Amino acid sequence: MNALGYNIKDLKMINLTSHPVVLVDDEDKVLYEIPSDVKSGKFELPRIRTEKKFVGYMNNIRITTTDFVGVENLPPQKNGTIYIVSMLVASSANEREDLFAPDELVYDTKGKVKFARGLTRSSFNPMKFNEGMKDAVFLVKQPKKFLGSAITIN
C-alpha cells in the first residue's frame, strides 16, 4: 500500500481523456501506456458545464463572465479505480479523490505531448471559487491607450 492508500498492483486506471496517456519514471522510462477509454467507446468524455453572463462592452468588444457550474459524464466512484481526466475536470470536481490529471507534460518538437512524469490532483475548485464571488462587483475600465498588442487600463 502506498502513501495515498492505493495498492498499485490492484489499481485500475481509466483514461477519460481523448488521447492515450504515457506515464514515465524519473529516468523517462515508460511505466504505463494507458489508451483512451473515451476513444474506445467505453466511456463518454467528461465535460464542464458553464453559465455565461453578459457584462457589457469595452471598446465595442462584447464582455462576458463564465462560471463553472458542474461536470457531466463522470462515472461514479469505484473502489480501487482512479480516473485520468483533464486538469480542468479534476479541478471542477476536486471533492472526488479518484480524479487525477497528467502532470509534468513533456512535448515533442511539434508541440505534441510525448508523456507525463506523473499524475496530479487539484486542490482548487473553480465552482467553489465562483460561489464565493457571487456578490463581488467587478469594474471594467476603459483602456487608456493601446501599446502594440497590450493595453493599459487606468
N, C-alpha and C. Protein backbone atom coordinates (compact mmCIF):
# COMPACT_ATOMS: atom_id res chain seq x y z
N MET A 1 0.86 -1.17 0.00
CA MET A 1 0.00 0.00 0.00
C MET A 1 0.90 1.24 0.00
N ASN A 2 0.56 2.25 -0.82
CA ASN A 2 1.39 3.46 -0.90
C ASN A 2 0.83 4.55 0.00
N ALA A 3 1.42 5.75 -0.07
CA ALA A 3 1.04 6.85 0.80
C ALA A 3 -0.40 7.31 0.59
N LEU A 4 -0.95 7.10 -0.59
CA LEU A 4 -2.33 7.51 -0.87
C LEU A 4 -3.34 6.43 -0.49
N GLY A 5 -2.86 5.29 -0.03
CA GLY A 5 -3.77 4.22 0.36
C GLY A 5 -4.15 3.29 -0.77
N TYR A 6 -3.52 3.43 -1.93
CA TYR A 6 -3.81 2.55 -3.06
C TYR A 6 -2.78 1.43 -3.12
N ASN A 7 -3.22 0.22 -3.32
CA ASN A 7 -2.32 -0.89 -3.58
C ASN A 7 -2.16 -0.93 -5.09
N ILE A 8 -1.00 -0.51 -5.58
CA ILE A 8 -0.79 -0.28 -7.01
C ILE A 8 -1.10 -1.52 -7.86
N LYS A 9 -0.76 -2.71 -7.41
CA LYS A 9 -1.00 -3.89 -8.25
C LYS A 9 -2.49 -4.14 -8.46
N ASP A 10 -3.31 -3.66 -7.55
CA ASP A 10 -4.75 -3.83 -7.69
C ASP A 10 -5.45 -2.60 -8.27
N LEU A 11 -4.68 -1.56 -8.56
CA LEU A 11 -5.25 -0.29 -9.01
C LEU A 11 -5.65 -0.37 -10.47
N LYS A 12 -6.86 0.08 -10.77
CA LYS A 12 -7.33 0.17 -12.15
C LYS A 12 -7.33 1.64 -12.55
N MET A 13 -6.67 1.96 -13.69
CA MET A 13 -6.63 3.33 -14.18
C MET A 13 -7.47 3.43 -15.45
N ILE A 14 -8.45 4.30 -15.42
CA ILE A 14 -9.32 4.51 -16.58
C ILE A 14 -9.04 5.90 -17.12
N ASN A 15 -8.71 5.95 -18.41
CA ASN A 15 -8.32 7.19 -19.07
C ASN A 15 -9.55 7.84 -19.68
N LEU A 16 -10.02 8.92 -19.07
CA LEU A 16 -11.20 9.64 -19.56
C LEU A 16 -10.81 10.87 -20.38
N THR A 17 -9.61 10.86 -20.97
CA THR A 17 -9.23 11.92 -21.90
C THR A 17 -9.40 11.38 -23.31
N SER A 18 -9.24 12.23 -24.30
CA SER A 18 -9.43 11.80 -25.69
C SER A 18 -8.15 11.30 -26.33
N HIS A 19 -7.09 11.13 -25.54
CA HIS A 19 -5.80 10.70 -26.09
C HIS A 19 -5.15 9.70 -25.14
N PRO A 20 -4.21 8.90 -25.63
CA PRO A 20 -3.51 7.98 -24.73
C PRO A 20 -2.66 8.76 -23.73
N VAL A 21 -2.45 8.21 -22.56
CA VAL A 21 -1.60 8.82 -21.54
C VAL A 21 -0.43 7.87 -21.30
N VAL A 22 0.78 8.40 -21.47
CA VAL A 22 2.00 7.64 -21.24
C VAL A 22 2.65 8.20 -19.98
N LEU A 23 2.82 7.35 -18.97
CA LEU A 23 3.43 7.76 -17.71
C LEU A 23 4.83 7.18 -17.62
N VAL A 24 5.79 8.03 -17.24
CA VAL A 24 7.19 7.61 -17.16
C VAL A 24 7.71 7.82 -15.74
N ASP A 25 8.85 7.17 -15.45
CA ASP A 25 9.51 7.35 -14.16
C ASP A 25 10.48 8.53 -14.24
N ASP A 26 11.30 8.69 -13.20
CA ASP A 26 12.23 9.83 -13.15
C ASP A 26 13.32 9.78 -14.21
N GLU A 27 13.56 8.62 -14.79
CA GLU A 27 14.56 8.48 -15.88
C GLU A 27 13.88 8.43 -17.25
N ASP A 28 12.60 8.81 -17.31
CA ASP A 28 11.79 8.81 -18.53
C ASP A 28 11.58 7.42 -19.12
N LYS A 29 11.67 6.39 -18.30
CA LYS A 29 11.35 5.03 -18.73
C LYS A 29 9.84 4.84 -18.60
N VAL A 30 9.23 4.30 -19.66
CA VAL A 30 7.77 4.13 -19.68
C VAL A 30 7.33 3.13 -18.62
N LEU A 31 6.41 3.59 -17.77
CA LEU A 31 5.81 2.73 -16.75
C LEU A 31 4.47 2.18 -17.21
N TYR A 32 3.65 3.08 -17.77
CA TYR A 32 2.29 2.71 -18.22
C TYR A 32 1.96 3.44 -19.50
N GLU A 33 1.31 2.75 -20.41
CA GLU A 33 0.69 3.36 -21.59
C GLU A 33 -0.79 3.07 -21.47
N ILE A 34 -1.56 4.11 -21.23
CA ILE A 34 -2.98 3.94 -20.95
C ILE A 34 -3.79 4.49 -22.12
N PRO A 35 -4.40 3.61 -22.91
CA PRO A 35 -5.20 4.10 -24.05
C PRO A 35 -6.44 4.85 -23.57
N SER A 36 -6.97 5.67 -24.45
CA SER A 36 -8.18 6.42 -24.13
C SER A 36 -9.38 5.48 -24.04
N ASP A 37 -10.03 5.47 -22.89
CA ASP A 37 -11.26 4.70 -22.74
C ASP A 37 -12.45 5.44 -23.35
N VAL A 38 -12.24 6.71 -23.70
CA VAL A 38 -13.27 7.50 -24.39
C VAL A 38 -13.27 7.12 -25.87
N LYS A 39 -12.07 7.09 -26.48
CA LYS A 39 -11.98 6.74 -27.91
C LYS A 39 -12.45 5.32 -28.16
N SER A 40 -12.27 4.43 -27.19
CA SER A 40 -12.70 3.04 -27.37
C SER A 40 -14.22 2.92 -27.26
N GLY A 41 -14.87 3.97 -26.77
CA GLY A 41 -16.32 3.96 -26.65
C GLY A 41 -16.82 3.42 -25.32
N LYS A 42 -15.92 3.07 -24.41
CA LYS A 42 -16.34 2.54 -23.11
C LYS A 42 -16.94 3.61 -22.21
N PHE A 43 -16.45 4.85 -22.35
CA PHE A 43 -16.90 5.97 -21.52
C PHE A 43 -17.08 7.21 -22.38
N GLU A 44 -17.86 8.17 -21.84
CA GLU A 44 -18.00 9.46 -22.51
C GLU A 44 -16.96 10.43 -21.95
N LEU A 45 -16.60 11.41 -22.76
CA LEU A 45 -15.65 12.43 -22.34
C LEU A 45 -16.32 13.33 -21.30
N PRO A 46 -15.72 13.48 -20.10
CA PRO A 46 -16.28 14.41 -19.12
C PRO A 46 -16.27 15.84 -19.66
N ARG A 47 -17.32 16.57 -19.37
CA ARG A 47 -17.45 17.94 -19.85
C ARG A 47 -17.78 18.86 -18.69
N ILE A 48 -17.25 20.06 -18.77
CA ILE A 48 -17.54 21.09 -17.77
C ILE A 48 -18.79 21.84 -18.21
N ARG A 49 -19.77 21.95 -17.32
CA ARG A 49 -20.95 22.78 -17.60
C ARG A 49 -20.62 24.21 -17.19
N THR A 50 -20.96 25.15 -18.03
CA THR A 50 -20.70 26.55 -17.74
C THR A 50 -21.96 27.38 -17.93
N GLU A 51 -21.97 28.53 -17.29
CA GLU A 51 -23.02 29.53 -17.49
C GLU A 51 -22.32 30.83 -17.86
N LYS A 52 -22.78 31.44 -18.94
CA LYS A 52 -22.21 32.73 -19.36
C LYS A 52 -23.19 33.84 -19.02
N LYS A 53 -22.61 34.96 -18.61
CA LYS A 53 -23.41 36.15 -18.31
C LYS A 53 -22.81 37.33 -19.06
N PHE A 54 -23.66 38.07 -19.71
CA PHE A 54 -23.24 39.27 -20.42
C PHE A 54 -22.92 40.36 -19.41
N VAL A 55 -21.75 41.00 -19.55
CA VAL A 55 -21.34 42.06 -18.64
C VAL A 55 -21.50 43.42 -19.30
N GLY A 56 -21.08 43.54 -20.54
CA GLY A 56 -21.15 44.82 -21.23
C GLY A 56 -20.17 44.84 -22.38
N TYR A 57 -19.82 46.04 -22.79
CA TYR A 57 -18.89 46.21 -23.90
C TYR A 57 -17.69 47.04 -23.45
N MET A 58 -16.55 46.74 -24.02
CA MET A 58 -15.35 47.52 -23.80
C MET A 58 -14.76 47.78 -25.18
N ASN A 59 -14.78 49.05 -25.61
CA ASN A 59 -14.33 49.41 -26.96
C ASN A 59 -15.03 48.56 -28.02
N ASN A 60 -16.33 48.39 -27.89
CA ASN A 60 -17.18 47.62 -28.80
C ASN A 60 -16.91 46.11 -28.76
N ILE A 61 -16.12 45.65 -27.81
CA ILE A 61 -15.87 44.21 -27.65
C ILE A 61 -16.83 43.69 -26.60
N ARG A 62 -17.58 42.67 -26.96
CA ARG A 62 -18.54 42.06 -26.04
C ARG A 62 -17.78 41.36 -24.91
N ILE A 63 -18.15 41.64 -23.65
CA ILE A 63 -17.51 41.05 -22.48
C ILE A 63 -18.54 40.20 -21.73
N THR A 64 -18.14 38.97 -21.40
CA THR A 64 -19.00 38.08 -20.61
C THR A 64 -18.18 37.52 -19.45
N THR A 65 -18.88 36.93 -18.49
CA THR A 65 -18.22 36.13 -17.47
C THR A 65 -18.65 34.69 -17.69
N THR A 66 -17.78 33.76 -17.35
CA THR A 66 -18.09 32.35 -17.47
C THR A 66 -17.93 31.70 -16.11
N ASP A 67 -18.99 31.08 -15.62
CA ASP A 67 -18.95 30.36 -14.34
C ASP A 67 -18.97 28.87 -14.61
N PHE A 68 -18.14 28.12 -13.87
CA PHE A 68 -18.14 26.67 -13.93
C PHE A 68 -19.21 26.18 -12.96
N VAL A 69 -20.17 25.41 -13.46
CA VAL A 69 -21.30 25.01 -12.61
C VAL A 69 -21.45 23.50 -12.44
N GLY A 70 -20.60 22.72 -13.02
CA GLY A 70 -20.70 21.28 -12.83
C GLY A 70 -19.87 20.50 -13.84
N VAL A 71 -19.82 19.20 -13.62
CA VAL A 71 -19.11 18.29 -14.52
C VAL A 71 -20.09 17.21 -14.95
N GLU A 72 -20.15 16.97 -16.25
CA GLU A 72 -21.02 15.92 -16.80
C GLU A 72 -20.18 14.72 -17.23
N ASN A 73 -20.80 13.58 -17.29
CA ASN A 73 -20.21 12.34 -17.82
C ASN A 73 -19.11 11.75 -16.95
N LEU A 74 -19.11 12.03 -15.65
CA LEU A 74 -18.15 11.38 -14.77
C LEU A 74 -18.77 10.08 -14.25
N PRO A 75 -18.07 8.97 -14.39
CA PRO A 75 -18.60 7.73 -13.82
C PRO A 75 -18.58 7.80 -12.29
N PRO A 76 -19.39 6.99 -11.63
CA PRO A 76 -19.37 7.01 -10.16
C PRO A 76 -18.05 6.48 -9.63
N GLN A 77 -17.73 6.90 -8.41
CA GLN A 77 -16.51 6.41 -7.77
C GLN A 77 -16.61 4.91 -7.59
N LYS A 78 -15.46 4.25 -7.74
CA LYS A 78 -15.41 2.79 -7.62
C LYS A 78 -14.13 2.44 -6.87
N ASN A 79 -14.24 1.66 -5.82
CA ASN A 79 -13.09 1.29 -5.02
C ASN A 79 -12.01 0.64 -5.88
N GLY A 80 -10.77 1.10 -5.72
CA GLY A 80 -9.65 0.52 -6.46
C GLY A 80 -9.48 1.06 -7.87
N THR A 81 -10.24 2.12 -8.22
CA THR A 81 -10.19 2.69 -9.57
C THR A 81 -9.90 4.18 -9.48
N ILE A 82 -8.97 4.64 -10.32
CA ILE A 82 -8.79 6.08 -10.48
C ILE A 82 -9.11 6.44 -11.92
N TYR A 83 -9.52 7.68 -12.12
CA TYR A 83 -9.85 8.17 -13.45
C TYR A 83 -8.87 9.27 -13.82
N ILE A 84 -8.30 9.16 -15.01
CA ILE A 84 -7.40 10.19 -15.52
C ILE A 84 -8.24 11.13 -16.37
N VAL A 85 -8.23 12.40 -16.00
CA VAL A 85 -9.07 13.42 -16.64
C VAL A 85 -8.21 14.65 -16.90
N SER A 86 -8.79 15.64 -17.56
CA SER A 86 -8.07 16.91 -17.75
C SER A 86 -7.97 17.62 -16.41
N MET A 87 -7.02 18.55 -16.31
CA MET A 87 -6.85 19.30 -15.06
C MET A 87 -8.08 20.13 -14.75
N LEU A 88 -8.75 20.66 -15.77
CA LEU A 88 -9.95 21.44 -15.54
C LEU A 88 -11.05 20.58 -14.93
N VAL A 89 -11.22 19.36 -15.43
CA VAL A 89 -12.22 18.45 -14.86
C VAL A 89 -11.84 18.10 -13.43
N ALA A 90 -10.57 17.76 -13.20
CA ALA A 90 -10.12 17.41 -11.84
C ALA A 90 -10.33 18.58 -10.88
N SER A 91 -10.08 19.80 -11.35
CA SER A 91 -10.26 20.99 -10.51
C SER A 91 -11.73 21.25 -10.22
N SER A 92 -12.58 21.01 -11.20
CA SER A 92 -14.01 21.30 -11.05
C SER A 92 -14.73 20.28 -10.18
N ALA A 93 -14.11 19.13 -9.98
CA ALA A 93 -14.71 18.08 -9.14
C ALA A 93 -13.69 17.63 -8.10
N ASN A 94 -13.01 18.59 -7.47
CA ASN A 94 -11.90 18.22 -6.59
C ASN A 94 -12.34 17.58 -5.28
N GLU A 95 -13.63 17.48 -5.04
CA GLU A 95 -14.09 16.73 -3.88
C GLU A 95 -13.94 15.22 -4.12
N ARG A 96 -13.73 14.85 -5.38
CA ARG A 96 -13.53 13.45 -5.75
C ARG A 96 -12.05 13.11 -5.62
N GLU A 97 -11.74 12.13 -4.80
CA GLU A 97 -10.36 11.72 -4.58
C GLU A 97 -9.85 10.74 -5.63
N ASP A 98 -10.71 10.37 -6.57
CA ASP A 98 -10.32 9.38 -7.59
C ASP A 98 -10.01 10.01 -8.94
N LEU A 99 -9.95 11.35 -9.00
CA LEU A 99 -9.68 12.04 -10.26
C LEU A 99 -8.25 12.58 -10.27
N PHE A 100 -7.50 12.22 -11.30
CA PHE A 100 -6.11 12.64 -11.45
C PHE A 100 -5.91 13.18 -12.86
N ALA A 101 -5.00 14.12 -13.01
CA ALA A 101 -4.66 14.67 -14.33
C ALA A 101 -3.18 14.40 -14.60
N PRO A 102 -2.81 14.24 -15.88
CA PRO A 102 -1.39 14.09 -16.20
C PRO A 102 -0.61 15.31 -15.72
N ASP A 103 0.61 15.07 -15.20
CA ASP A 103 1.42 16.13 -14.62
C ASP A 103 2.81 16.14 -15.25
N GLU A 104 3.43 17.30 -15.25
CA GLU A 104 4.77 17.48 -15.84
C GLU A 104 4.83 16.90 -17.25
N LEU A 105 4.06 17.50 -18.12
CA LEU A 105 3.99 17.04 -19.51
C LEU A 105 5.27 17.37 -20.26
N VAL A 106 5.71 16.44 -21.09
CA VAL A 106 6.88 16.64 -21.95
C VAL A 106 6.40 16.58 -23.39
N TYR A 107 6.80 17.58 -24.19
CA TYR A 107 6.33 17.72 -25.57
C TYR A 107 7.42 17.37 -26.56
N ASP A 108 7.01 16.90 -27.76
CA ASP A 108 7.97 16.68 -28.84
C ASP A 108 8.21 17.99 -29.58
N THR A 109 9.01 17.96 -30.62
CA THR A 109 9.36 19.19 -31.35
C THR A 109 8.18 19.80 -32.09
N LYS A 110 7.14 19.03 -32.30
CA LYS A 110 5.94 19.55 -32.98
C LYS A 110 4.89 20.05 -32.00
N GLY A 111 5.20 20.01 -30.70
CA GLY A 111 4.27 20.51 -29.70
C GLY A 111 3.27 19.49 -29.21
N LYS A 112 3.43 18.24 -29.61
CA LYS A 112 2.52 17.18 -29.17
C LYS A 112 3.06 16.55 -27.88
N VAL A 113 2.15 16.23 -26.95
CA VAL A 113 2.56 15.63 -25.69
C VAL A 113 3.14 14.24 -25.95
N LYS A 114 4.36 14.01 -25.46
CA LYS A 114 5.01 12.71 -25.58
C LYS A 114 4.64 11.83 -24.39
N PHE A 115 4.78 12.41 -23.18
CA PHE A 115 4.48 11.64 -21.97
C PHE A 115 4.32 12.59 -20.79
N ALA A 116 3.88 12.01 -19.67
CA ALA A 116 3.76 12.75 -18.41
C ALA A 116 4.65 12.07 -17.38
N ARG A 117 5.23 12.89 -16.53
CA ARG A 117 6.12 12.34 -15.50
C ARG A 117 5.37 11.97 -14.23
N GLY A 118 4.05 12.08 -14.26
CA GLY A 118 3.27 11.70 -13.08
C GLY A 118 1.83 12.10 -13.24
N LEU A 119 1.10 11.98 -12.16
CA LEU A 119 -0.30 12.38 -12.09
C LEU A 119 -0.44 13.39 -10.96
N THR A 120 -1.44 14.25 -11.05
CA THR A 120 -1.67 15.26 -10.02
C THR A 120 -3.16 15.34 -9.70
N ARG A 121 -3.44 15.80 -8.49
CA ARG A 121 -4.82 16.08 -8.09
C ARG A 121 -4.92 17.57 -7.83
N SER A 122 -6.10 18.10 -7.94
CA SER A 122 -6.30 19.54 -7.77
C SER A 122 -6.78 19.86 -6.37
N SER A 123 -6.31 20.99 -5.86
CA SER A 123 -6.83 21.48 -4.58
C SER A 123 -7.69 22.72 -4.81
N PHE A 124 -7.83 23.15 -6.07
CA PHE A 124 -8.62 24.34 -6.41
C PHE A 124 -9.88 23.92 -7.13
N ASN A 125 -11.00 24.45 -6.70
CA ASN A 125 -12.28 24.14 -7.33
C ASN A 125 -12.89 25.44 -7.84
N PRO A 126 -12.90 25.65 -9.19
CA PRO A 126 -13.45 26.91 -9.72
C PRO A 126 -14.92 27.09 -9.40
N MET A 127 -15.66 25.99 -9.20
CA MET A 127 -17.08 26.14 -8.86
C MET A 127 -17.23 26.73 -7.46
N LYS A 128 -16.40 26.29 -6.51
CA LYS A 128 -16.44 26.85 -5.16
C LYS A 128 -15.96 28.29 -5.18
N PHE A 129 -14.96 28.59 -6.01
CA PHE A 129 -14.48 29.97 -6.17
C PHE A 129 -15.62 30.83 -6.69
N ASN A 130 -16.34 30.35 -7.71
CA ASN A 130 -17.45 31.12 -8.27
C ASN A 130 -18.52 31.40 -7.22
N GLU A 131 -18.82 30.40 -6.35
CA GLU A 131 -19.83 30.59 -5.31
C GLU A 131 -19.43 31.75 -4.39
N GLY A 132 -18.16 31.83 -4.05
CA GLY A 132 -17.68 32.88 -3.16
C GLY A 132 -17.67 34.25 -3.82
N MET A 133 -17.74 34.30 -5.13
CA MET A 133 -17.64 35.56 -5.86
C MET A 133 -19.01 36.08 -6.29
N LYS A 134 -20.12 35.45 -5.88
CA LYS A 134 -21.44 35.85 -6.35
C LYS A 134 -21.75 37.32 -6.06
N ASP A 135 -21.31 37.81 -4.90
CA ASP A 135 -21.63 39.17 -4.52
C ASP A 135 -20.54 40.17 -4.86
N ALA A 136 -19.47 39.70 -5.51
CA ALA A 136 -18.37 40.60 -5.85
C ALA A 136 -18.78 41.50 -7.01
N VAL A 137 -18.26 42.70 -7.01
CA VAL A 137 -18.53 43.66 -8.08
C VAL A 137 -17.24 43.88 -8.85
N PHE A 138 -17.29 43.70 -10.16
CA PHE A 138 -16.12 43.91 -11.00
C PHE A 138 -16.36 45.14 -11.86
N LEU A 139 -15.38 46.00 -11.90
CA LEU A 139 -15.47 47.20 -12.73
C LEU A 139 -14.61 47.01 -13.97
N VAL A 140 -15.20 47.20 -15.13
CA VAL A 140 -14.45 47.15 -16.38
C VAL A 140 -14.13 48.59 -16.74
N LYS A 141 -12.85 48.93 -16.73
CA LYS A 141 -12.44 50.30 -17.03
C LYS A 141 -12.07 50.44 -18.50
N GLN A 142 -12.25 51.64 -19.01
CA GLN A 142 -11.88 51.93 -20.40
C GLN A 142 -10.37 51.90 -20.55
N PRO A 143 -9.86 51.30 -21.61
CA PRO A 143 -8.42 51.35 -21.85
C PRO A 143 -7.97 52.78 -22.10
N LYS A 144 -6.83 53.15 -21.53
CA LYS A 144 -6.29 54.49 -21.73
C LYS A 144 -5.69 54.60 -23.13
N LYS A 145 -4.85 53.64 -23.50
CA LYS A 145 -4.26 53.65 -24.83
C LYS A 145 -3.77 52.26 -25.17
N PHE A 146 -3.62 51.99 -26.45
CA PHE A 146 -3.14 50.70 -26.90
C PHE A 146 -1.62 50.77 -27.07
N LEU A 147 -0.91 49.76 -26.58
CA LEU A 147 0.53 49.67 -26.72
C LEU A 147 0.85 48.37 -27.44
N GLY A 148 0.88 48.39 -28.76
CA GLY A 148 1.10 47.16 -29.51
C GLY A 148 -0.03 46.19 -29.26
N SER A 149 0.29 44.98 -28.77
CA SER A 149 -0.77 44.01 -28.51
C SER A 149 -1.25 44.11 -27.07
N ALA A 150 -0.67 45.01 -26.28
CA ALA A 150 -1.08 45.16 -24.88
C ALA A 150 -1.88 46.44 -24.74
N ILE A 151 -2.72 46.49 -23.73
CA ILE A 151 -3.44 47.72 -23.44
C ILE A 151 -3.16 48.09 -21.98
N THR A 152 -3.17 49.38 -21.73
CA THR A 152 -3.02 49.86 -20.35
C THR A 152 -4.40 50.27 -19.88
N ILE A 153 -4.72 49.88 -18.69
CA ILE A 153 -6.04 50.25 -18.14
C ILE A 153 -5.84 51.07 -16.90
N ASN A 154 -6.50 52.24 -16.85
CA ASN A 154 -6.44 53.10 -15.65
C ASN A 154 -7.68 52.91 -14.83
